């Protein structure tokens, strides 16, 4: 089922089944419906014999399955192969991501990395640790300091520079996060970023956090938990549920999020292309 034939109400039904897992797609669908770019979001769907939507997959810059059964995985994988487009990644709920990748890996380029187990965490209450009083929403005046911190986080997490394909796009994305009040920071006396976290996707009462970073010079000082607690408190003023996903091998981060009060609600996977 191509994008133009996916019923909006049926898509909303699928997205509403798990607002935490589907926050990224829900936020992008809402953006498209508000008129940003094409008003028809790039979502392909699968349907039962009665035409009822049974599965769907976002196919923008990234491929993000919403929910897909085995026949649906076959159909979407075939669609992606025939389309011939290049994507930055495949990510989302682990079962459909890995199911798609098992069908695509022989025909797509070798991935940069495959991360099969990424705990999906959420918190819907005030965090346990006392929040750091210095954490705040970044302003445009912070952008010169936020940019290098964001780039350092990206390179540390992904393994290559966000500027490898040119710097304009990445700078614009960071500026958009700051300008929309979705970047939280702690700065030192010289206005350098010590801690940062972004609210990357916000939809249906869920804010998905990304880009969490502590300056290496300040690590090991007990800042991560109180800074994250402060970020959660600030974000929950407008969005009741805060979520994020993290690599399973990042045991220090997992321990920090557990101290803050996050609980595991699912498992994501990511294929970096």
C-alpha atoms as a PDB file:
ATOM      1  CA  UNK A   1       0.000   0.000   0.000  1.00  0.00           C
ATOM      2  CA  UNK A   2       1.774   3.207  -1.149  1.00  0.00           C
ATOM      3  CA  UNK A   3       1.909   6.362   0.969  1.00  0.00           C
ATOM      4  CA  UNK A   4      -1.041   8.063  -0.675  1.00  0.00           C
ATOM      5  CA  UNK A   5      -3.343   5.134   0.086  1.00  0.00           C
ATOM      6  CA  UNK A   6      -2.583   4.798   3.812  1.00  0.00           C
ATOM      7  CA  UNK A   7      -5.679   5.924   5.698  1.00  0.00           C
ATOM      8  CA  UNK A   8      -4.722   8.618   8.259  1.00  0.00           C
ATOM      9  CA  UNK A   9      -7.125   7.322  10.903  1.00  0.00           C
ATOM     10  CA  UNK A  10      -5.865   3.777  10.513  1.00  0.00           C
ATOM     11  CA  UNK A  11      -2.282   5.007  10.760  1.00  0.00           C
ATOM     12  CA  UNK A  12      -3.160   6.905  13.927  1.00  0.00           C
ATOM     13  CA  UNK A  13      -4.600   3.696  15.343  1.00  0.00           C
ATOM     14  CA  UNK A  14      -1.312   1.858  14.803  1.00  0.00           C
ATOM     15  CA  UNK A  15       0.738   4.721  16.218  1.00  0.00           C
ATOM     16  CA  UNK A  16      -1.515   4.984  19.257  1.00  0.00           C
ATOM     17  CA  UNK A  17      -1.022   1.320  20.136  1.00  0.00           C
ATOM     18  CA  UNK A  18       2.408   2.150  21.571  1.00  0.00           C
ATOM     19  CA  UNK A  19       3.071   5.912  21.775  1.00  0.00           C
ATOM     20  CA  UNK A  20       6.498   5.406  23.347  1.00  0.00           C
ATOM     21  CA  UNK A  21       7.833   3.047  20.691  1.00  0.00           C
ATOM     22  CA  UNK A  22       6.298   5.058  17.852  1.00  0.00           C
ATOM     23  CA  UNK A  23       7.162   8.593  19.036  1.00  0.00           C
ATOM     24  CA  UNK A  24       9.598   9.243  16.173  1.00  0.00           C
ATOM     25  CA  UNK A  25       7.146   8.327  13.429  1.00  0.00           C
ATOM     26  CA  UNK A  26       4.220  10.042  15.164  1.00  0.00           C
ATOM     27  CA  UNK A  27       6.177  13.297  15.430  1.00  0.00           C
ATOM     28  CA  UNK A  28       7.164  13.191  11.769  1.00  0.00           C
ATOM     29  CA  UNK A  29       3.646  12.314  10.639  1.00  0.00           C
ATOM     30  CA  UNK A  30       2.291  15.280  12.604  1.00  0.00           C
ATOM     31  CA  UNK A  31       4.925  17.530  11.019  1.00  0.00           C
ATOM     32  CA  UNK A  32       3.896  16.457   7.527  1.00  0.00           C
ATOM     33  CA  UNK A  33       0.230  16.977   8.300  1.00  0.00           C
ATOM     34  CA  UNK A  34       0.978  20.524   9.429  1.00  0.00           C
ATOM     35  CA  UNK A  35       2.277  21.193   5.946  1.00  0.00           C
ATOM     36  CA  UNK A  36       6.012  20.741   6.258  1.00  0.00           C
ATOM     37  CA  UNK A  37       7.138  19.308   2.938  1.00  0.00           C
ATOM     38  CA  UNK A  38       4.682  16.924   1.310  1.00  0.00           C
ATOM     39  CA  UNK A  39       1.414  16.671   3.207  1.00  0.00           C
ATOM     40  CA  UNK A  40       1.400  12.917   2.599  1.00  0.00           C
ATOM     41  CA  UNK A  41       3.919  11.322   4.985  1.00  0.00           C
ATOM     42  CA  UNK A  42       6.262   8.716   3.469  1.00  0.00           C
ATOM     43  CA  UNK A  43       4.593   5.725   5.102  1.00  0.00           C
ATOM     44  CA  UNK A  44       3.954   2.463   3.270  1.00  0.00           C
ATOM     45  CA  UNK A  45       1.363   0.094   4.662  1.00  0.00           C
ATOM     46  CA  UNK A  46       0.065  -3.447   4.569  1.00  0.00           C
ATOM     47  CA  UNK A  47      -3.610  -4.357   4.800  1.00  0.00           C
ATOM     48  CA  UNK A  48      -5.860  -7.341   5.412  1.00  0.00           C
ATOM     49  CA  UNK A  49      -8.358  -8.575   2.769  1.00  0.00           C
ATOM     50  CA  UNK A  50     -10.926  -6.071   4.047  1.00  0.00           C
ATOM     51  CA  UNK A  51      -8.517  -3.178   3.506  1.00  0.00           C
ATOM     52  CA  UNK A  52      -7.844  -2.584   7.204  1.00  0.00           C
ATOM     53  CA  UNK A  53      -4.306  -1.385   7.875  1.00  0.00           C
ATOM     54  CA  UNK A  54      -2.325  -4.146   9.591  1.00  0.00           C
ATOM     55  CA  UNK A  55       1.201  -2.749   9.406  1.00  0.00           C
ATOM     56  CA  UNK A  56       3.170   0.290   8.331  1.00  0.00           C
ATOM     57  CA  UNK A  57       6.709   1.555   7.892  1.00  0.00           C
ATOM     58  CA  UNK A  58       8.168   5.061   7.697  1.00  0.00           C
ATOM     59  CA  UNK A  59      10.441   5.464   4.672  1.00  0.00           C
ATOM     60  CA  UNK A  60      11.924   8.944   4.927  1.00  0.00           C
ATOM     61  CA  UNK A  61      15.624   9.585   5.464  1.00  0.00           C
ATOM     62  CA  UNK A  62      15.469   6.568   7.779  1.00  0.00           C
ATOM     63  CA  UNK A  63      13.433   3.387   7.587  1.00  0.00           C
ATOM     64  CA  UNK A  64      11.364   2.977  10.762  1.00  0.00           C
ATOM     65  CA  UNK A  65       8.891   0.076  10.961  1.00  0.00           C
ATOM     66  CA  UNK A  66       5.815   0.740  13.058  1.00  0.00           C
ATOM     67  CA  UNK A  67       4.468  -2.787  13.185  1.00  0.00           C
ATOM     68  CA  UNK A  68       4.870  -5.546  10.597  1.00  0.00           C
ATOM     69  CA  UNK A  69       4.000  -9.240  10.634  1.00  0.00           C
ATOM     70  CA  UNK A  70       5.967 -11.772   8.575  1.00  0.00           C
ATOM     71  CA  UNK A  71       4.019 -11.235   5.325  1.00  0.00           C
ATOM     72  CA  UNK A  72       4.251  -7.499   5.933  1.00  0.00           C
ATOM     73  CA  UNK A  73       8.018  -7.719   6.329  1.00  0.00           C
ATOM     74  CA  UNK A  74       8.232  -9.509   2.983  1.00  0.00           C
ATOM     75  CA  UNK A  75       6.100  -6.868   1.267  1.00  0.00           C
ATOM     76  CA  UNK A  76       7.942  -3.871   2.722  1.00  0.00           C
ATOM     77  CA  UNK A  77      11.371  -5.402   2.065  1.00  0.00           C
ATOM     78  CA  UNK A  78      10.361  -5.950  -1.553  1.00  0.00           C
ATOM     79  CA  UNK A  79       9.143  -2.368  -1.811  1.00  0.00           C
ATOM     80  CA  UNK A  80      12.433  -1.044  -0.420  1.00  0.00           C
ATOM     81  CA  UNK A  81      14.518  -3.178  -2.752  1.00  0.00           C
ATOM     82  CA  UNK A  82      12.560  -2.072  -5.804  1.00  0.00           C
ATOM     83  CA  UNK A  83      12.688   1.591  -4.812  1.00  0.00           C
ATOM     84  CA  UNK A  84      16.473   1.734  -4.905  1.00  0.00           C
ATOM     85  CA  UNK A  85      16.662   4.670  -2.483  1.00  0.00           C
ATOM     86  CA  UNK A  86      19.508   5.127   0.000  1.00  0.00           C
ATOM     87  CA  UNK A  87      18.681   5.495   3.663  1.00  0.00           C
ATOM     88  CA  UNK A  88      20.686   6.608   6.687  1.00  0.00           C
ATOM     89  CA  UNK A  89      19.517   3.805   8.958  1.00  0.00           C
ATOM     90  CA  UNK A  90      16.859   1.278   9.844  1.00  0.00           C
ATOM     91  CA  UNK A  91      15.730   1.625  13.460  1.00  0.00           C
ATOM     92  CA  UNK A  92      12.805   1.111  15.764  1.00  0.00           C
ATOM     93  CA  UNK A  93      11.225  -1.875  17.533  1.00  0.00           C
ATOM     94  CA  UNK A  94      13.776  -4.674  17.359  1.00  0.00           C
ATOM     95  CA  UNK A  95      11.645  -7.480  15.917  1.00  0.00           C
ATOM     96  CA  UNK A  96      10.546  -5.714  12.711  1.00  0.00           C
ATOM     97  CA  UNK A  97      13.902  -3.936  12.296  1.00  0.00           C
ATOM     98  CA  UNK A  98      15.860  -7.178  12.427  1.00  0.00           C
ATOM     99  CA  UNK A  99      13.209  -8.925  10.354  1.00  0.00           C
ATOM    100  CA  UNK A 100      13.519  -6.288   7.645  1.00  0.00           C
ATOM    101  CA  UNK A 101      17.293  -6.339   7.769  1.00  0.00           C
ATOM    102  CA  UNK A 102      17.434 -10.127   7.380  1.00  0.00           C
ATOM    103  CA  UNK A 103      15.524  -9.649   4.123  1.00  0.00           C
ATOM    104  CA  UNK A 104      17.583  -6.692   2.893  1.00  0.00           C
ATOM    105  CA  UNK A 105      21.156  -7.379   3.932  1.00  0.00           C
ATOM    106  CA  UNK A 106      22.056  -9.428   0.859  1.00  0.00           C
ATOM    107  CA  UNK A 107      20.971  -6.702  -1.545  1.00  0.00           C
ATOM    108  CA  UNK A 108      21.846  -3.540   0.380  1.00  0.00           C
ATOM    109  CA  UNK A 109      25.347  -2.171   1.043  1.00  0.00           C
ATOM    110  CA  UNK A 110      27.246  -3.481   4.053  1.00  0.00           C
ATOM    111  CA  UNK A 111      26.110  -1.532   7.124  1.00  0.00           C
ATOM    112  CA  UNK A 112      28.377   0.693   9.154  1.00  0.00           C
ATOM    113  CA  UNK A 113      27.119  -1.014  12.315  1.00  0.00           C
ATOM    114  CA  UNK A 114      24.292  -3.224  13.561  1.00  0.00           C
ATOM    115  CA  UNK A 115      23.029  -2.719  17.116  1.00  0.00           C
ATOM    116  CA  UNK A 116      20.523  -5.498  17.743  1.00  0.00           C
ATOM    117  CA  UNK A 117      19.673  -4.830  21.398  1.00  0.00           C
ATOM    118  CA  UNK A 118      18.882  -1.301  22.544  1.00  0.00           C
ATOM    119  CA  UNK A 119      16.688  -1.161  25.655  1.00  0.00           C
ATOM    120  CA  UNK A 120      13.792   1.279  25.245  1.00  0.00           C
ATOM    121  CA  UNK A 121      13.251   3.126  28.521  1.00  0.00           C
ATOM    122  CA  UNK A 122      10.544   5.463  29.788  1.00  0.00           C
ATOM    123  CA  UNK A 123       9.644   7.492  32.855  1.00  0.00           C
ATOM    124  CA  UNK A 124       6.232   8.981  33.636  1.00  0.00           C
ATOM    125  CA  UNK A 125       6.902  10.461  37.075  1.00  0.00           C
ATOM    126  CA  UNK A 126       9.313  12.880  38.679  1.00  0.00           C
ATOM    127  CA  UNK A 127      12.794  11.355  38.937  1.00  0.00           C
ATOM    128  CA  UNK A 128      14.309  10.127  42.174  1.00  0.00           C
ATOM    129  CA  UNK A 129      17.611  12.055  42.380  1.00  0.00           C
ATOM    130  CA  UNK A 130      17.668  15.732  43.265  1.00  0.00           C
ATOM    131  CA  UNK A 131      17.850  17.644  39.970  1.00  0.00           C
ATOM    132  CA  UNK A 132      20.890  19.732  39.149  1.00  0.00           C
ATOM    133  CA  UNK A 133      19.759  23.359  39.526  1.00  0.00           C
ATOM    134  CA  UNK A 134      21.884  24.575  36.615  1.00  0.00           C
ATOM    135  CA  UNK A 135      20.239  22.559  33.847  1.00  0.00           C
ATOM    136  CA  UNK A 136      18.070  24.739  31.598  1.00  0.00           C
ATOM    137  CA  UNK A 137      16.733  25.029  28.080  1.00  0.00           C
ATOM    138  CA  UNK A 138      19.348  26.327  25.670  1.00  0.00           C
ATOM    139  CA  UNK A 139      18.827  29.668  23.935  1.00  0.00           C
ATOM    140  CA  UNK A 140      20.150  30.993  20.650  1.00  0.00           C
ATOM    141  CA  UNK A 141      23.050  32.531  22.572  1.00  0.00           C
ATOM    142  CA  UNK A 142      24.172  29.001  23.481  1.00  0.00           C
ATOM    143  CA  UNK A 143      24.286  27.760  19.883  1.00  0.00           C
ATOM    144  CA  UNK A 144      28.044  28.353  19.350  1.00  0.00           C
ATOM    145  CA  UNK A 145      28.720  26.132  22.382  1.00  0.00           C
ATOM    146  CA  UNK A 146      25.985  23.585  21.665  1.00  0.00           C
ATOM    147  CA  UNK A 147      27.198  22.851  18.123  1.00  0.00           C
ATOM    148  CA  UNK A 148      30.617  21.411  19.058  1.00  0.00           C
ATOM    149  CA  UNK A 149      29.090  19.515  21.979  1.00  0.00           C
ATOM    150  CA  UNK A 150      26.453  18.013  19.679  1.00  0.00           C
ATOM    151  CA  UNK A 151      29.068  17.080  17.082  1.00  0.00           C
ATOM    152  CA  UNK A 152      31.257  15.465  19.740  1.00  0.00           C
ATOM    153  CA  UNK A 153      28.306  13.438  21.001  1.00  0.00           C
ATOM    154  CA  UNK A 154      27.402  12.337  17.475  1.00  0.00           C
ATOM    155  CA  UNK A 155      30.920  11.224  16.611  1.00  0.00           C
ATOM    156  CA  UNK A 156      31.308   9.395  19.913  1.00  0.00           C
ATOM    157  CA  UNK A 157      27.988   7.590  19.468  1.00  0.00           C
ATOM    158  CA  UNK A 158      27.979   6.861  15.738  1.00  0.00           C
ATOM    159  CA  UNK A 159      31.681   6.692  14.926  1.00  0.00           C
ATOM    160  CA  UNK A 160      32.034   9.377  12.268  1.00  0.00           C
ATOM    161  CA  UNK A 161      31.665  13.151  12.035  1.00  0.00           C
ATOM    162  CA  UNK A 162      28.204  14.627  11.439  1.00  0.00           C
ATOM    163  CA  UNK A 163      29.937  17.040   9.078  1.00  0.00           C
ATOM    164  CA  UNK A 164      31.230  14.293   6.770  1.00  0.00           C
ATOM    165  CA  UNK A 165      28.553  15.116   4.206  1.00  0.00           C
ATOM    166  CA  UNK A 166      28.800  18.880   4.679  1.00  0.00           C
ATOM    167  CA  UNK A 167      28.055  21.004   7.713  1.00  0.00           C
ATOM    168  CA  UNK A 168      24.967  22.990   6.709  1.00  0.00           C
ATOM    169  CA  UNK A 169      22.373  20.284   7.310  1.00  0.00           C
ATOM    170  CA  UNK A 170      23.680  19.284  10.726  1.00  0.00           C
ATOM    171  CA  UNK A 171      24.051  22.891  11.867  1.00  0.00           C
ATOM    172  CA  UNK A 172      20.486  23.597  10.794  1.00  0.00           C
ATOM    173  CA  UNK A 173      19.156  20.593  12.722  1.00  0.00           C
ATOM    174  CA  UNK A 174      20.946  21.598  15.916  1.00  0.00           C
ATOM    175  CA  UNK A 175      19.796  25.193  15.512  1.00  0.00           C
ATOM    176  CA  UNK A 176      16.217  23.978  15.039  1.00  0.00           C
ATOM    177  CA  UNK A 177      16.348  21.992  18.287  1.00  0.00           C
ATOM    178  CA  UNK A 178      17.681  24.994  20.180  1.00  0.00           C
ATOM    179  CA  UNK A 179      15.247  27.391  18.533  1.00  0.00           C
ATOM    180  CA  UNK A 180      12.239  25.213  19.335  1.00  0.00           C
ATOM    181  CA  UNK A 181      13.152  24.856  23.008  1.00  0.00           C
ATOM    182  CA  UNK A 182      14.105  21.198  22.755  1.00  0.00           C
ATOM    183  CA  UNK A 183      17.746  21.285  23.830  1.00  0.00           C
ATOM    184  CA  UNK A 184      18.664  21.175  27.520  1.00  0.00           C
ATOM    185  CA  UNK A 185      22.117  22.139  28.753  1.00  0.00           C
ATOM    186  CA  UNK A 186      24.331  22.715  31.742  1.00  0.00           C
ATOM    187  CA  UNK A 187      27.095  25.220  31.055  1.00  0.00           C
ATOM    188  CA  UNK A 188      30.168  26.145  33.063  1.00  0.00           C
ATOM    189  CA  UNK A 189      31.435  29.570  34.094  1.00  0.00           C
ATOM    190  CA  UNK A 190      32.967  30.034  30.626  1.00  0.00           C
ATOM    191  CA  UNK A 191      29.680  29.162  28.877  1.00  0.00           C
ATOM    192  CA  UNK A 192      30.967  25.799  27.670  1.00  0.00           C
ATOM    193  CA  UNK A 193      28.490  22.933  27.535  1.00  0.00           C
ATOM    194  CA  UNK A 194      29.066  20.404  30.316  1.00  0.00           C
ATOM    195  CA  UNK A 195      25.858  18.387  29.806  1.00  0.00           C
ATOM    196  CA  UNK A 196      23.289  18.296  27.026  1.00  0.00           C
ATOM    197  CA  UNK A 197      20.189  16.354  26.062  1.00  0.00           C
ATOM    198  CA  UNK A 198      17.769  16.920  23.194  1.00  0.00           C
ATOM    199  CA  UNK A 199      14.049  16.238  22.931  1.00  0.00           C
ATOM    200  CA  UNK A 200      14.364  14.748  19.473  1.00  0.00           C
ATOM    201  CA  UNK A 201      10.772  13.628  18.879  1.00  0.00           C
ATOM    202  CA  UNK A 202       7.721  14.942  20.710  1.00  0.00           C
ATOM    203  CA  UNK A 203       4.260  13.540  19.980  1.00  0.00           C
ATOM    204  CA  UNK A 204       1.186  12.103  21.703  1.00  0.00           C
ATOM    205  CA  UNK A 205       2.387  13.021  25.180  1.00  0.00           C
ATOM    206  CA  UNK A 206       5.816  11.423  24.723  1.00  0.00           C
ATOM    207  CA  UNK A 207       9.192  13.121  24.338  1.00  0.00           C
ATOM    208  CA  UNK A 208      11.982  10.891  23.062  1.00  0.00           C
ATOM    209  CA  UNK A 209      15.353  12.050  24.345  1.00  0.00           C
ATOM    210  CA  UNK A 210      18.432  11.833  22.159  1.00  0.00           C
ATOM    211  CA  UNK A 211      21.942  13.252  22.147  1.00  0.00           C
ATOM    212  CA  UNK A 212      22.644  12.822  25.866  1.00  0.00           C
ATOM    213  CA  UNK A 213      26.245  13.849  26.488  1.00  0.00           C
ATOM    214  CA  UNK A 214      28.575  14.826  29.323  1.00  0.00           C
ATOM    215  CA  UNK A 215      31.846  16.563  28.526  1.00  0.00           C
ATOM    216  CA  UNK A 216      34.603  13.944  29.027  1.00  0.00           C
ATOM    217  CA  UNK A 217      36.467  16.377  31.284  1.00  0.00           C
ATOM    218  CA  UNK A 218      33.508  16.311  33.684  1.00  0.00           C
ATOM    219  CA  UNK A 219      32.753  12.600  33.660  1.00  0.00           C
ATOM    220  CA  UNK A 220      33.131  10.615  36.845  1.00  0.00           C
ATOM    221  CA  UNK A 221      31.968  13.529  38.987  1.00  0.00           C
ATOM    222  CA  UNK A 222      28.422  12.344  39.576  1.00  0.00           C
ATOM    223  CA  UNK A 223      26.828  14.831  37.178  1.00  0.00           C
ATOM    224  CA  UNK A 224      24.962  12.490  34.847  1.00  0.00           C
ATOM    225  CA  UNK A 225      22.107  11.417  37.143  1.00  0.00           C
ATOM    226  CA  UNK A 226      21.238  14.849  38.613  1.00  0.00           C
ATOM    227  CA  UNK A 227      21.531  16.505  35.192  1.00  0.00           C
ATOM    228  CA  UNK A 228      19.307  13.888  33.587  1.00  0.00           C
ATOM    229  CA  UNK A 229      16.863  14.183  36.484  1.00  0.00           C
ATOM    230  CA  UNK A 230      16.688  17.927  35.875  1.00  0.00           C
ATOM    231  CA  UNK A 231      16.163  17.414  32.150  1.00  0.00           C
ATOM    232  CA  UNK A 232      13.308  14.992  32.830  1.00  0.00           C
ATOM    233  CA  UNK A 233      11.637  17.382  35.264  1.00  0.00           C
ATOM    234  CA  UNK A 234      11.852  20.273  32.816  1.00  0.00           C
ATOM    235  CA  UNK A 235      10.583  18.209  29.890  1.00  0.00           C
ATOM    236  CA  UNK A 236       7.686  16.797  31.922  1.00  0.00           C
ATOM    237  CA  UNK A 237       6.277  20.296  32.426  1.00  0.00           C
ATOM    238  CA  UNK A 238       4.713  19.898  28.981  1.00  0.00           C
ATOM    239  CA  UNK A 239       5.140  16.209  28.099  1.00  0.00           C
ATOM    240  CA  UNK A 240       4.185  13.596  30.708  1.00  0.00           C
ATOM    241  CA  UNK A 241       6.250  10.670  29.398  1.00  0.00           C
ATOM    242  CA  UNK A 242       9.969  10.860  28.640  1.00  0.00           C
ATOM    243  CA  UNK A 243      11.652   8.027  26.767  1.00  0.00           C
ATOM    244  CA  UNK A 244      14.973   7.097  25.230  1.00  0.00           C
ATOM    245  CA  UNK A 245      16.811   4.063  23.935  1.00  0.00           C
ATOM    246  CA  UNK A 246      20.382   3.107  24.656  1.00  0.00           C
ATOM    247  CA  UNK A 247      22.873   0.482  23.520  1.00  0.00           C
ATOM    248  CA  UNK A 248      22.790  -2.555  25.795  1.00  0.00           C
ATOM    249  CA  UNK A 249      26.576  -2.510  26.167  1.00  0.00           C
ATOM    250  CA  UNK A 250      26.510   1.017  27.609  1.00  0.00           C
ATOM    251  CA  UNK A 251      26.137  -0.258  31.138  1.00  0.00           C
ATOM    252  CA  UNK A 252      27.093   3.044  32.784  1.00  0.00           C
ATOM    253  CA  UNK A 253      24.346   4.894  30.936  1.00  0.00           C
ATOM    254  CA  UNK A 254      21.819   2.178  31.759  1.00  0.00           C
ATOM    255  CA  UNK A 255      22.744   2.399  35.438  1.00  0.00           C
ATOM    256  CA  UNK A 256      22.352   6.188  35.352  1.00  0.00           C
ATOM    257  CA  UNK A 257      18.918   6.017  33.754  1.00  0.00           C
ATOM    258  CA  UNK A 258      17.834   3.389  36.269  1.00  0.00           C
ATOM    259  CA  UNK A 259      18.893   5.688  39.121  1.00  0.00           C
ATOM    260  CA  UNK A 260      16.870   8.495  37.597  1.00  0.00           C
ATOM    261  CA  UNK A 261      13.796   6.253  37.507  1.00  0.00           C
ATOM    262  CA  UNK A 262      13.530   5.064  33.910  1.00  0.00           C
ATOM    263  CA  UNK A 263      12.124   1.573  33.408  1.00  0.00           C
ATOM    264  CA  UNK A 264      12.495  -0.712  30.429  1.00  0.00           C
ATOM    265  CA  UNK A 265       9.386  -0.851  28.251  1.00  0.00           C
ATOM    266  CA  UNK A 266      10.711  -2.494  25.090  1.00  0.00           C
ATOM    267  CA  UNK A 267      13.700  -3.169  22.859  1.00  0.00           C
ATOM    268  CA  UNK A 268      14.887  -1.242  19.827  1.00  0.00           C
ATOM    269  CA  UNK A 269      17.472  -2.148  17.209  1.00  0.00           C
ATOM    270  CA  UNK A 270      19.431   0.022  14.779  1.00  0.00           C
ATOM    271  CA  UNK A 271      21.192  -0.694  11.505  1.00  0.00           C
ATOM    272  CA  UNK A 272      23.482   2.212  10.571  1.00  0.00           C
ATOM    273  CA  UNK A 273      23.938   2.439   6.806  1.00  0.00           C
END
